[in-house]
Protein backbone atom coordinates (compact mmCIF):
# COMPACT_ATOMS: atom_id res chain seq x y z
CA MET A 1 -5.71 43.10 -77.65
CA SER A 2 -7.26 40.06 -76.97
CA ALA A 3 -10.71 39.75 -78.35
CA GLU A 4 -11.65 37.79 -75.37
CA GLY A 5 -13.02 40.09 -72.34
CA PRO A 6 -11.63 40.17 -68.98
CA THR A 7 -11.64 37.05 -66.89
CA SER A 8 -14.36 37.32 -64.14
CA SER A 9 -13.96 37.20 -60.93
CA THR A 10 -15.31 33.64 -60.17
CA GLU A 11 -12.67 32.20 -62.36
CA LEU A 12 -9.76 32.80 -60.02
CA PRO A 13 -8.42 30.30 -58.07
CA PRO A 14 -10.50 29.90 -54.70
CA PRO A 15 -8.90 32.03 -51.61
CA ARG A 16 -6.33 29.89 -49.60
CA ARG A 17 -7.50 30.71 -45.93
CA PRO A 18 -4.59 31.47 -43.44
CA LYS A 19 -4.25 27.81 -41.20
CA VAL A 20 -5.60 28.83 -37.58
CA ILE A 21 -4.37 26.70 -35.48
CA LYS A 22 -6.27 25.00 -32.43
CA THR A 23 -6.98 23.12 -29.54
CA ASN A 24 -8.59 19.60 -29.99
CA GLN A 25 -11.10 20.52 -26.94
CA GLN A 26 -12.23 17.41 -27.24
CA GLN A 27 -8.61 15.40 -26.70
CA VAL A 28 -8.44 18.02 -24.22
CA LEU A 29 -11.58 17.02 -22.19
CA LEU A 30 -10.41 13.14 -22.57
CA TYR A 31 -7.31 13.83 -21.28
CA VAL A 32 -8.54 15.55 -18.33
CA VAL A 33 -11.03 12.66 -17.46
CA LEU A 34 -8.76 9.76 -17.77
CA THR A 35 -5.91 12.18 -15.67
CA LEU A 36 -8.46 12.41 -12.79
CA LEU A 37 -9.69 8.80 -13.75
CA LEU A 38 -5.93 8.06 -13.44
CA SER A 39 -5.31 9.91 -10.23
CA LEU A 40 -8.00 8.55 -8.53
CA ALA A 41 -6.95 4.87 -9.24
CA THR A 42 -3.66 5.63 -7.82
CA VAL A 43 -5.09 6.99 -4.93
CA TRP A 44 -7.40 3.85 -4.73
CA ALA A 45 -4.55 1.74 -5.32
CA GLY A 46 -1.96 3.59 -2.45
CA ARG A 47 -4.69 3.13 -0.13
CA VAL A 48 -5.59 -0.48 -0.89
CA TRP A 49 -2.10 -1.21 -0.68
CA TRP A 50 -1.64 0.54 2.70
CA HIS A 51 -4.88 -0.87 4.59
CA ASN A 52 -5.15 -4.23 2.40
CA SER A 53 -5.68 -6.45 5.49
CA GLU A 54 -2.86 -9.20 5.49
CA THR A 55 -4.39 -12.63 6.52
CA LEU A 56 -2.57 -14.23 9.09
CA THR A 57 -3.56 -18.22 9.99
CA PHE A 58 -3.32 -19.20 13.39
CA ALA A 59 -2.89 -23.07 13.94
CA VAL A 60 -4.09 -24.29 17.32
CA GLY A 61 -5.61 -26.36 19.66
CA ALA A 62 -9.19 -27.54 20.37
CA PRO A 63 -11.85 -24.84 20.70
CA ASN A 64 -11.60 -24.50 24.47
CA SER A 65 -8.11 -24.49 24.66
CA ASP A 66 -6.13 -21.55 26.10
CA GLU A 67 -4.30 -20.95 22.90
CA ALA A 68 -7.68 -21.08 20.77
CA MET A 69 -9.20 -18.54 23.19
CA PHE A 70 -6.29 -16.45 22.74
CA ALA A 71 -6.18 -16.26 19.15
CA THR A 72 -9.86 -15.88 19.42
CA LYS A 73 -9.41 -12.76 21.73
CA LEU A 74 -6.41 -11.63 19.00
CA ALA A 75 -8.46 -12.15 16.06
CA THR A 76 -11.17 -9.34 17.52
CA LEU A 77 -9.12 -7.48 18.72
CA LEU A 78 -7.48 -6.86 15.40
CA LYS A 79 -11.03 -6.78 13.69
CA ASN A 80 -12.04 -4.27 15.90
CA SER A 81 -9.22 -1.73 15.77
CA ALA A 82 -9.69 -1.35 11.89
CA SER A 83 -6.04 -3.46 11.85
CA ARG A 84 -4.70 -4.68 8.16
CA PHE A 85 -4.33 -7.67 9.87
CA ARG A 86 -6.84 -10.10 10.02
CA ILE A 87 -6.41 -14.11 11.80
CA LYS A 88 -7.69 -17.25 10.51
CA ILE A 89 -8.06 -19.50 13.29
CA VAL A 90 -7.93 -23.39 12.34
CA ASN A 91 -8.37 -25.83 15.43
CA ASN A 92 -6.59 -29.42 15.37
CA ALA A 93 -7.68 -31.79 18.02
CA ASP A 94 -4.50 -30.88 19.91
CA ASN A 95 -1.85 -28.37 20.43
CA ALA A 96 1.27 -31.01 19.15
CA LYS A 97 -1.13 -31.40 15.87
CA ALA A 98 -1.07 -27.47 15.63
CA LEU A 99 2.47 -27.32 15.80
CA ALA A 100 2.73 -30.10 13.37
CA GLN A 101 0.43 -28.03 11.00
CA PHE A 102 2.81 -25.10 11.69
CA ASP A 103 5.84 -26.99 11.19
CA ARG A 104 4.33 -27.93 7.58
CA ARG A 105 4.34 -24.22 6.73
CA GLN A 106 0.33 -24.29 6.54
CA ALA A 107 -0.03 -21.73 9.40
CA ASP A 108 1.66 -18.35 9.91
CA LEU A 109 1.10 -18.71 13.93
CA ALA A 110 0.95 -20.53 16.85
CA VAL A 111 1.24 -21.03 20.35
CA LEU A 112 3.87 -23.61 21.65
CA ARG A 113 5.10 -24.40 25.16
CA THR A 114 8.58 -25.04 25.68
CA ASP A 115 8.97 -28.38 26.35
CA ALA A 116 7.44 -29.34 22.83
CA LYS A 117 8.91 -30.04 19.75
CA VAL A 118 10.29 -26.78 18.37
CA PRO A 119 9.61 -26.22 14.63
CA LEU A 120 12.60 -25.33 12.70
CA ARG A 121 11.18 -21.81 11.30
CA ALA A 122 9.88 -20.51 14.66
CA ARG A 123 10.49 -17.56 15.72
CA THR A 124 9.30 -15.63 19.24
CA LEU A 125 7.02 -12.86 18.98
CA ALA A 126 6.01 -12.64 22.59
CA ILE A 127 6.05 -14.72 26.12
CA LEU A 128 2.03 -15.16 26.63
CA GLU A 129 2.85 -17.36 29.76
CA HIS A 130 4.93 -19.34 32.23
CA ASP A 131 3.90 -22.48 33.66
CA LEU A 132 5.05 -23.67 37.28
CA VAL A 133 6.09 -27.00 38.24
CA LEU A 134 4.67 -27.55 42.11
CA LEU A 135 5.94 -30.38 43.72
CA LEU A 136 3.31 -31.40 46.67
CA GLY A 137 3.33 -33.38 49.43
CA PRO A 138 0.61 -34.69 51.76
CA GLY A 139 0.48 -33.28 55.12
CA ASN A 140 3.41 -32.17 56.41
CA LYS A 141 5.91 -34.37 54.69
CA LYS A 142 8.96 -33.14 52.99
CA ILE A 143 10.13 -34.37 49.26
CA LYS A 144 13.88 -33.78 49.57
CA SER A 145 14.75 -34.46 46.11
CA LEU A 146 12.79 -35.81 42.44
CA ALA A 147 14.68 -39.67 43.13
CA GLU A 148 12.69 -39.97 46.03
CA LEU A 149 9.52 -39.29 43.56
CA LYS A 150 10.93 -42.92 41.85
CA LYS A 151 9.58 -44.72 44.66
CA LYS A 152 6.32 -43.25 44.67
CA LYS A 153 2.72 -43.17 43.03
CA VAL A 154 2.90 -39.56 41.62
CA ALA A 155 -0.25 -37.88 40.26
CA VAL A 156 0.44 -35.67 37.36
CA LEU A 157 -2.47 -32.23 37.83
CA ALA A 158 -2.53 -30.61 34.64
CA GLU A 159 -4.52 -29.68 32.08
CA ASN A 160 -3.36 -32.06 29.02
CA ASP A 161 -1.02 -34.74 28.75
CA SER A 162 1.74 -33.36 27.31
CA SER A 163 2.57 -32.50 31.13
CA LEU A 164 2.58 -36.42 31.76
CA ALA A 165 5.18 -36.82 29.15
CA PHE A 166 7.04 -33.56 30.25
CA VAL A 167 6.99 -35.07 34.37
CA ARG A 168 7.98 -38.60 33.37
CA SER A 169 11.44 -36.76 31.19
CA ILE A 170 12.48 -34.38 34.05
CA LEU A 171 12.45 -37.49 36.91
CA ASP A 172 14.16 -39.66 34.18
CA ILE A 173 11.73 -42.55 33.92
CA PRO A 174 11.31 -44.00 30.43
CA ALA A 175 7.54 -44.36 28.99
CA ASP A 176 8.16 -47.71 28.02
CA SER A 177 9.46 -48.68 31.70
CA PRO A 178 7.58 -50.37 34.49
CA ASP A 179 8.21 -47.13 37.04
CA ALA A 180 6.63 -45.45 34.16
CA ALA A 181 3.11 -46.81 35.27
CA LYS A 182 3.59 -45.04 38.80
CA ILE A 183 3.75 -41.40 36.61
CA GLN A 184 -0.39 -41.11 36.21
CA MET A 185 -2.91 -38.48 35.04
CA ALA A 186 -4.94 -37.06 37.80
CA PRO A 187 -8.58 -38.17 37.11
CA GLN A 188 -10.50 -35.41 35.73
CA GLY A 189 -11.75 -32.88 38.01
CA ALA A 190 -9.84 -34.18 41.21
CA THR A 191 -8.83 -32.10 43.92
CA LEU A 192 -5.77 -31.84 46.30
CA ASP A 193 -7.66 -33.34 49.19
CA LYS A 194 -8.96 -36.00 47.22
CA LEU A 195 -5.21 -36.84 45.85
CA PHE A 196 -4.17 -36.82 49.05
CA ALA A 197 -6.29 -39.00 50.63
CA PRO A 198 -5.04 -42.54 51.73
CA ALA A 199 -7.73 -44.48 49.47
CA SER A 200 -5.93 -42.89 46.10
CA GLY A 201 -2.69 -44.25 47.13
CA PHE A 202 -0.69 -40.99 45.86
CA GLY A 203 2.53 -40.26 47.64
CA ALA A 204 2.94 -36.78 45.85
CA VAL A 205 1.35 -34.51 43.25
CA ILE A 206 2.96 -32.77 40.52
CA ALA A 207 1.09 -29.57 39.49
CA VAL A 208 1.86 -28.04 36.25
CA VAL A 209 -0.14 -24.51 36.58
CA HIS A 210 -0.27 -21.62 34.86
CA ALA A 211 1.36 -19.05 36.83
CA SER A 212 -1.25 -16.33 36.71
CA LYS A 213 -3.45 -18.87 37.98
CA ALA A 214 -1.51 -20.37 40.78
CA VAL A 215 -2.00 -16.75 41.94
CA ARG A 216 -5.77 -16.35 41.78
CA ASP A 217 -6.57 -20.04 42.89
CA LYS A 218 -8.01 -20.48 46.26
CA ALA A 219 -7.77 -23.86 46.48
CA TYR A 220 -4.53 -23.88 47.63
CA GLU A 221 -5.26 -21.61 50.69
CA GLN A 222 -8.57 -23.42 51.63
CA VAL A 223 -6.37 -26.87 51.57
CA ALA A 224 -3.43 -25.74 53.29
CA ARG A 225 -5.72 -24.40 56.24
CA ARG A 226 -6.64 -27.86 56.79
CA GLY A 227 -2.82 -28.86 56.67
CA GLY A 228 -3.60 -30.74 53.54
CA PHE A 229 -0.45 -30.31 51.63
CA THR A 230 3.35 -29.30 51.70
CA LEU A 231 4.84 -26.95 48.85
CA ASN A 232 8.60 -28.75 48.42
CA ALA A 233 11.57 -26.79 46.46
CA ILE A 234 12.92 -28.70 43.65
CA ASP A 235 16.65 -28.16 44.55
CA GLU A 236 17.77 -29.47 41.19
CA ALA A 237 15.76 -26.60 39.04
CA LYS A 238 19.07 -25.24 38.24
CA ALA A 239 20.58 -28.34 36.77
CA LEU A 240 17.38 -29.46 34.74
CA ALA A 241 17.29 -25.51 33.48
CA ARG A 242 21.16 -26.83 32.26
CA LYS A 243 19.76 -30.43 30.68
CA PHE A 244 16.24 -29.51 29.16
CA PRO A 245 17.04 -26.13 27.34
CA GLY A 246 13.24 -25.40 27.07
CA ILE A 247 12.95 -25.58 31.15
CA SER A 248 13.60 -22.42 33.28
CA ASP A 249 14.15 -22.00 36.68
CA GLU A 250 11.58 -20.31 38.74
CA THR A 251 11.48 -18.69 42.14
CA LEU A 252 8.47 -18.44 43.95
CA THR A 253 8.22 -15.74 46.54
CA ALA A 254 6.88 -15.84 49.91
CA GLY A 255 2.79 -16.27 49.71
CA THR A 256 2.74 -16.93 45.96
CA LEU A 257 -0.25 -19.67 46.41
CA SER A 258 -2.08 -18.43 50.05
CA ALA A 259 -1.27 -15.61 52.35
CA SER A 260 -2.74 -16.97 55.27
CA PRO A 261 -1.01 -19.45 55.59
CA GLU A 262 1.78 -18.28 54.20
CA ILE A 263 2.61 -20.60 51.14
CA PRO A 264 5.76 -20.76 50.42
CA ASP A 265 6.76 -19.10 53.97
CA ASP A 266 9.85 -18.09 51.99
CA ASP A 267 11.29 -17.81 48.54
CA LEU A 268 11.26 -21.39 47.07
CA ASP A 269 13.19 -22.64 43.54
CA THR A 270 11.27 -24.38 41.42
CA ILE A 271 11.18 -25.11 37.42
CA GLY A 272 8.83 -23.65 34.95
CA LEU A 273 8.19 -23.75 31.25
CA GLU A 274 6.97 -20.80 28.76
CA TRP A 275 4.27 -20.47 26.74
CA LEU A 276 5.72 -18.45 23.38
CA LEU A 277 3.63 -16.89 20.08
CA VAL A 278 5.82 -17.96 17.40
CA ALA A 279 5.76 -16.95 13.87
CA GLN A 280 7.12 -18.46 10.66
CA SER A 281 10.52 -17.25 10.25
CA LYS A 282 9.77 -15.80 6.76
CA ILE A 283 7.16 -13.32 7.97
CA SER A 284 8.58 -10.13 6.79
CA PRO A 285 10.23 -8.34 9.92
CA THR A 286 7.46 -5.16 9.33
CA THR A 287 4.28 -8.06 10.08
CA ALA A 288 6.24 -9.37 12.55
CA GLY A 289 6.69 -6.47 14.72
CA ASP A 290 3.57 -4.98 13.68
CA ILE A 291 2.03 -8.28 15.59
CA ALA A 292 4.35 -7.95 18.60
CA ARG A 293 3.66 -4.52 19.50
CA ILE A 294 -0.50 -5.01 19.07
CA VAL A 295 0.16 -7.58 21.60
CA TYR A 296 2.25 -5.31 23.43
CA GLU A 297 0.07 -2.42 23.73
CA ASN A 298 -3.06 -4.74 24.38
CA LYS A 299 -2.26 -6.61 26.98
CA SER A 300 -5.73 -6.45 29.52
CA ALA A 301 -7.16 -7.19 26.22
CA LEU A 302 -5.79 -10.30 25.15
CA GLY A 303 -5.95 -12.47 28.80
CA LEU A 304 -8.42 -14.61 29.77
CA ASP A 305 -10.71 -15.37 32.42
CA ASN A 306 -9.08 -17.83 33.72
CA GLY A 307 -5.57 -16.18 33.67
CA PHE A 308 -4.03 -17.28 31.02
CA ALA A 309 -1.71 -14.18 28.82
CA THR A 310 -2.39 -11.83 31.80
CA HIS A 311 1.15 -10.95 32.22
CA ILE A 312 2.59 -11.00 28.51
CA GLU A 313 6.07 -10.25 28.37
CA PRO A 314 8.37 -9.40 25.10
CA ALA A 315 10.49 -12.18 23.59
CA SER A 316 13.91 -12.75 24.51
CA VAL A 317 16.36 -11.21 22.22
CA GLU A 318 19.18 -13.25 23.17
CA LYS A 319 21.13 -15.34 20.87
CA ASP A 320 21.07 -18.33 23.41
CA ALA A 321 17.27 -18.06 23.80
CA PHE A 322 15.23 -21.68 23.58
CA VAL A 323 13.58 -20.21 20.17
CA MET A 324 15.17 -16.77 18.94
CA ALA A 325 12.82 -14.24 18.61
CA HIS A 326 11.76 -12.59 15.63
CA GLN A 327 13.81 -10.24 13.63
CA GLY A 328 10.74 -8.09 13.71
CA ALA A 329 9.94 -8.19 17.15
CA ALA A 330 13.87 -7.98 18.13
CA ASP A 331 13.61 -4.64 16.17
CA TYR A 332 10.66 -3.09 18.11
CA ILE A 333 11.92 -4.38 21.42
CA ASN A 334 15.06 -3.20 21.33
CA ASP A 335 13.77 0.29 19.49
CA ASP A 336 15.32 -0.21 16.10
CA THR A 337 12.11 -0.10 14.34
CA LYS A 338 12.98 2.05 11.20
CA SER A 339 10.55 4.85 10.45
CA PHE A 340 8.60 5.26 7.24
CA MET A 341 11.57 7.61 6.12
CA ASP A 342 14.43 5.25 7.16
CA LYS A 343 12.81 2.32 5.25
CA TYR A 344 11.72 4.02 2.02
CA SER A 345 13.86 7.24 1.62
CA ASP A 346 16.41 5.06 -0.40
CA MET A 347 13.05 4.08 -2.67
CA MET A 348 11.69 7.75 -2.48
CA TYR A 349 14.83 9.54 -4.00
CA LEU A 350 14.97 6.53 -6.73
CA GLY A 351 10.93 6.77 -7.25
CA ALA A 352 11.50 10.67 -7.09
CA ALA A 353 13.88 10.41 -10.24
CA ALA A 354 11.37 7.85 -11.89
CA LEU A 355 8.71 9.91 -11.67
CA SER A 356 10.67 13.03 -13.25
CA VAL A 357 11.38 10.81 -16.09
CA ILE A 358 8.05 9.63 -16.67
CA GLY A 359 6.69 12.90 -15.76
CA SER A 360 8.44 14.64 -18.53
CA ILE A 361 7.81 11.74 -20.91
CA PHE A 362 3.77 11.73 -19.82
CA ALA A 363 4.09 16.03 -20.44
CA ALA A 364 5.58 15.31 -23.78
CA ILE A 365 2.86 13.16 -24.45
CA TYR A 366 0.11 15.58 -23.41
CA ALA A 367 1.18 18.08 -25.79
CA LYS A 368 1.04 15.88 -28.47
CA ILE A 369 -2.06 15.06 -27.76
CA THR A 370 -3.94 17.93 -26.86
CA ARG A 371 -2.49 20.57 -29.16
CA VAL A 372 -0.68 21.53 -32.46
CA ALA A 373 2.80 22.99 -32.38
CA PRO A 374 2.48 26.54 -33.34
CA GLU A 375 2.73 27.16 -36.89
CA LYS A 376 5.79 29.34 -37.63
CA ALA A 377 5.05 32.87 -39.29
CA SER A 378 7.50 31.69 -42.14
CA GLU A 379 5.36 29.25 -43.34
CA LEU A 380 1.80 31.71 -43.70
CA SER A 381 4.73 33.28 -46.71
CA THR A 382 3.61 30.48 -48.99
CA ALA A 383 -0.17 31.47 -49.26
CA ILE A 384 1.29 35.38 -49.91
CA LEU A 385 3.49 33.94 -52.31
CA ASP A 386 1.04 32.17 -54.14
CA ILE A 387 -1.24 35.35 -54.15
CA GLY A 388 1.24 37.03 -55.79
CA GLU A 389 1.34 34.51 -58.37
CA ARG A 390 -2.48 34.97 -59.31
CA ILE A 391 -2.37 38.74 -59.38
CA GLU A 392 -0.70 38.81 -62.76
CA HIS A 393 -3.73 36.81 -63.63
CA ALA A 394 -6.28 39.33 -62.82
CA HIS A 395 -7.71 41.47 -65.35
CA SER A 396 -9.88 43.50 -63.76
CA LEU A 397 -10.02 45.47 -60.48
CA ASP A 398 -12.87 43.70 -58.88
CA GLN A 399 -10.66 40.25 -59.22
CA LEU A 400 -7.41 42.47 -57.91
CA GLU A 401 -9.91 43.79 -54.67
CA CYS A 402 -10.82 39.81 -54.17
CA LEU A 403 -6.80 39.05 -53.94
CA GLN A 404 -6.07 42.36 -51.29
CA ASP A 405 -8.94 41.16 -49.32
CA GLU A 406 -7.55 37.70 -49.43
CA LEU A 407 -4.09 39.03 -48.60
CA GLU A 408 -5.19 41.06 -45.54
CA GLY A 409 -7.29 38.18 -44.40
CA ILE A 410 -3.73 36.30 -44.25
CA LEU A 411 -2.27 39.43 -42.34
CA ARG A 412 -5.72 39.25 -39.99
CA GLY A 413 -5.15 35.79 -39.16
CA ALA A 414 -1.39 36.02 -38.39
CA VAL A 415 -1.86 38.74 -35.94
CA ILE A 416 -4.90 36.68 -34.35
CA GLY A 417 -2.47 33.87 -34.23
CA LEU A 418 0.45 35.39 -32.69
CA ARG A 419 -2.00 36.77 -30.36
CA ASP A 420 -3.40 33.53 -29.28
CA GLY A 421 0.19 31.66 -29.39
CA THR A 422 -1.10 29.78 -32.30
CA ILE A 423 1.37 31.51 -34.88
CA SER A 424 5.20 31.52 -33.23
CA THR A 425 7.08 34.47 -34.47
CA ASP A 426 9.84 32.29 -36.16
CA GLY A 427 10.38 34.07 -39.47
CA LEU A 428 8.09 36.81 -39.25
CA ASP A 429 10.46 38.95 -41.24
CA THR A 430 9.94 37.04 -43.89
CA PHE A 431 6.44 37.21 -43.85
CA LYS A 432 7.01 40.75 -43.01
CA LEU A 433 9.04 41.14 -46.47
CA GLY A 434 6.63 38.66 -48.25
CA TYR A 435 3.99 40.78 -47.28
CA GLU A 436 5.20 43.85 -48.11
CA PHE A 437 5.82 42.77 -51.98
CA VAL A 438 2.56 41.36 -52.58
CA ARG A 439 0.80 44.66 -51.28
CA ASP A 440 2.99 46.43 -53.74
CA GLU A 441 2.52 44.08 -56.38
CA ILE A 442 -0.98 44.81 -56.22
CA GLY A 443 -0.63 48.28 -55.78
CA MET A 444 1.30 48.33 -59.16
CA ARG A 445 -1.37 45.86 -60.79
CA ARG A 446 -4.04 48.32 -59.82
CA ASP A 447 -2.45 51.16 -61.42
CA TYR A 448 -1.94 49.64 -64.78
CA LEU A 449 -5.69 48.05 -64.67
CA LYS A 450 -6.60 52.10 -64.30
CA ARG A 451 -4.59 52.73 -67.29
CA HIS A 452 -5.28 50.35 -69.04
CA ALA A 453 -9.17 50.94 -68.73
CA SER A 454 -8.45 54.50 -69.98
CA GLU A 455 -6.76 53.54 -73.02
CA LEU A 456 -9.76 51.11 -73.46
CA GLU A 457 -12.33 53.44 -73.18
CA LYS A 458 -10.68 55.75 -75.56
CA ILE A 459 -10.43 52.97 -78.33
CA ALA A 460 -13.95 52.14 -77.79
CA ALA A 461 -15.86 56.00 -77.95
CA PRO A 462 -17.55 56.99 -81.25
CA ALA A 463 -15.76 59.77 -83.76
CA ALA A 464 -17.10 63.27 -82.95
CA LEU A 465 -19.17 65.42 -85.63
CA PRO A 466 -16.98 68.15 -87.48
CA PRO A 467 -18.49 71.39 -86.53
CA PRO A 468 -20.29 73.27 -89.32
CA GLU A 469 -18.58 75.44 -92.05
CA ASP A 470 -19.36 78.39 -92.62
CA SER A 471 -20.45 79.07 -96.51
CA ASN A 472 -22.66 82.11 -98.46
CA VAL A 473 -25.98 81.70 -97.97
CA VAL A 474 -27.76 83.15 -101.09
CA VAL A 475 -31.07 84.45 -100.07
CA VAL A 476 -33.47 84.64 -102.49
CA LYS A 477 -36.06 86.37 -102.13
CA THR A 478 -39.49 85.77 -104.01
CA ALA A 479 -41.02 88.99 -104.70
CA GLN A 480 -44.23 88.63 -104.24
CA SER A 481 -47.09 90.06 -106.63
CA ALA A 482 -49.40 92.21 -105.16
């Protein structure tokens, strides 16, 4: 027996606590906040992407020109209707300079009349207006052909000088020829009465007017009642339309200019020009189709007080059109506009597949950063075996009870972990076997310590005194003298 006393319970290695796996609540909270922020950012980005305004530059002439006022109305309409489009209006000295700006790709939209030089990348969105060419003679004088005008002094009644060049071109009079001087712009504010007055010297008037304005203008009726002019047909209308692609042959129905007296008194052939709203060919079909749709659906709101753009028509989708229709406008006109699903179905399928993969990765990352994988039950066997190794060092029942408590603590933690999911059932049989083995070892060690303690008590107890032996006792009586 060792001379040293039994080792105290404090000398045993500290109890090994079972590992209890818990979710990191701070990580979970942080992840939830980040997920919410990401979701809000995604929704906001989608909304911005869908509703983000697309600014289109509109090149126009002077601020008081018809195309400039139309652009202003269109910009106001888009703004008031909360459209995603915005119009930036850029004014120029005249419409020719506006088209030059458009040709330099410095503008997305413009308005051109078909006698102008058409930019290469211009595509039609809508026909805004028709200009009519009215051949007027003084009094009852008939003009049989345009060739007669080469011998006359002709006034061109129009809003801008571009019409002067147009009239000279259809009369086949070069601008630098002597006859060009006979074709003059009418003075500003001049009326038919003044132009046909003998003092003016004009033998004919060619008026280039908006069709919508002509039917509203009562001046023709008032002058006609005084017998002031005669409206003549242009018999060369079809030939001119073939010669000049931008010219269209028009028919004036009876009573177009005046109902009483009726002018013309029968359907009459003439020529005309078109005002086109054009866009750059590079503009996406979706954008072009949306702008065309807005223009078609809001005709009454876009017309000017003077009649311009009050009879908006769809662009010509024919391949031989003077200015080809934009593909987006043509799709809308032909009702070939694709629905949202038609446009993006393939993208949606690809996006769904991509989101599935990304979602799986995201879920794995979520599991990785927000929770720890459950501990296997077999891993707790290490702690149990550690207790088993310390059993032989327990030299007292108190130390053994500490090991017993530690073993029961591991069992209790395992049961709680199995319930909470922080411990998996993987290796549960190994854990059970280890637990039973160590529990039996503790029982055996307890029995050993109890037996050993009994032997020590016997050795340490003092020797008992022998019982007194029986012997003869001699009683001597002393006689007492009397």
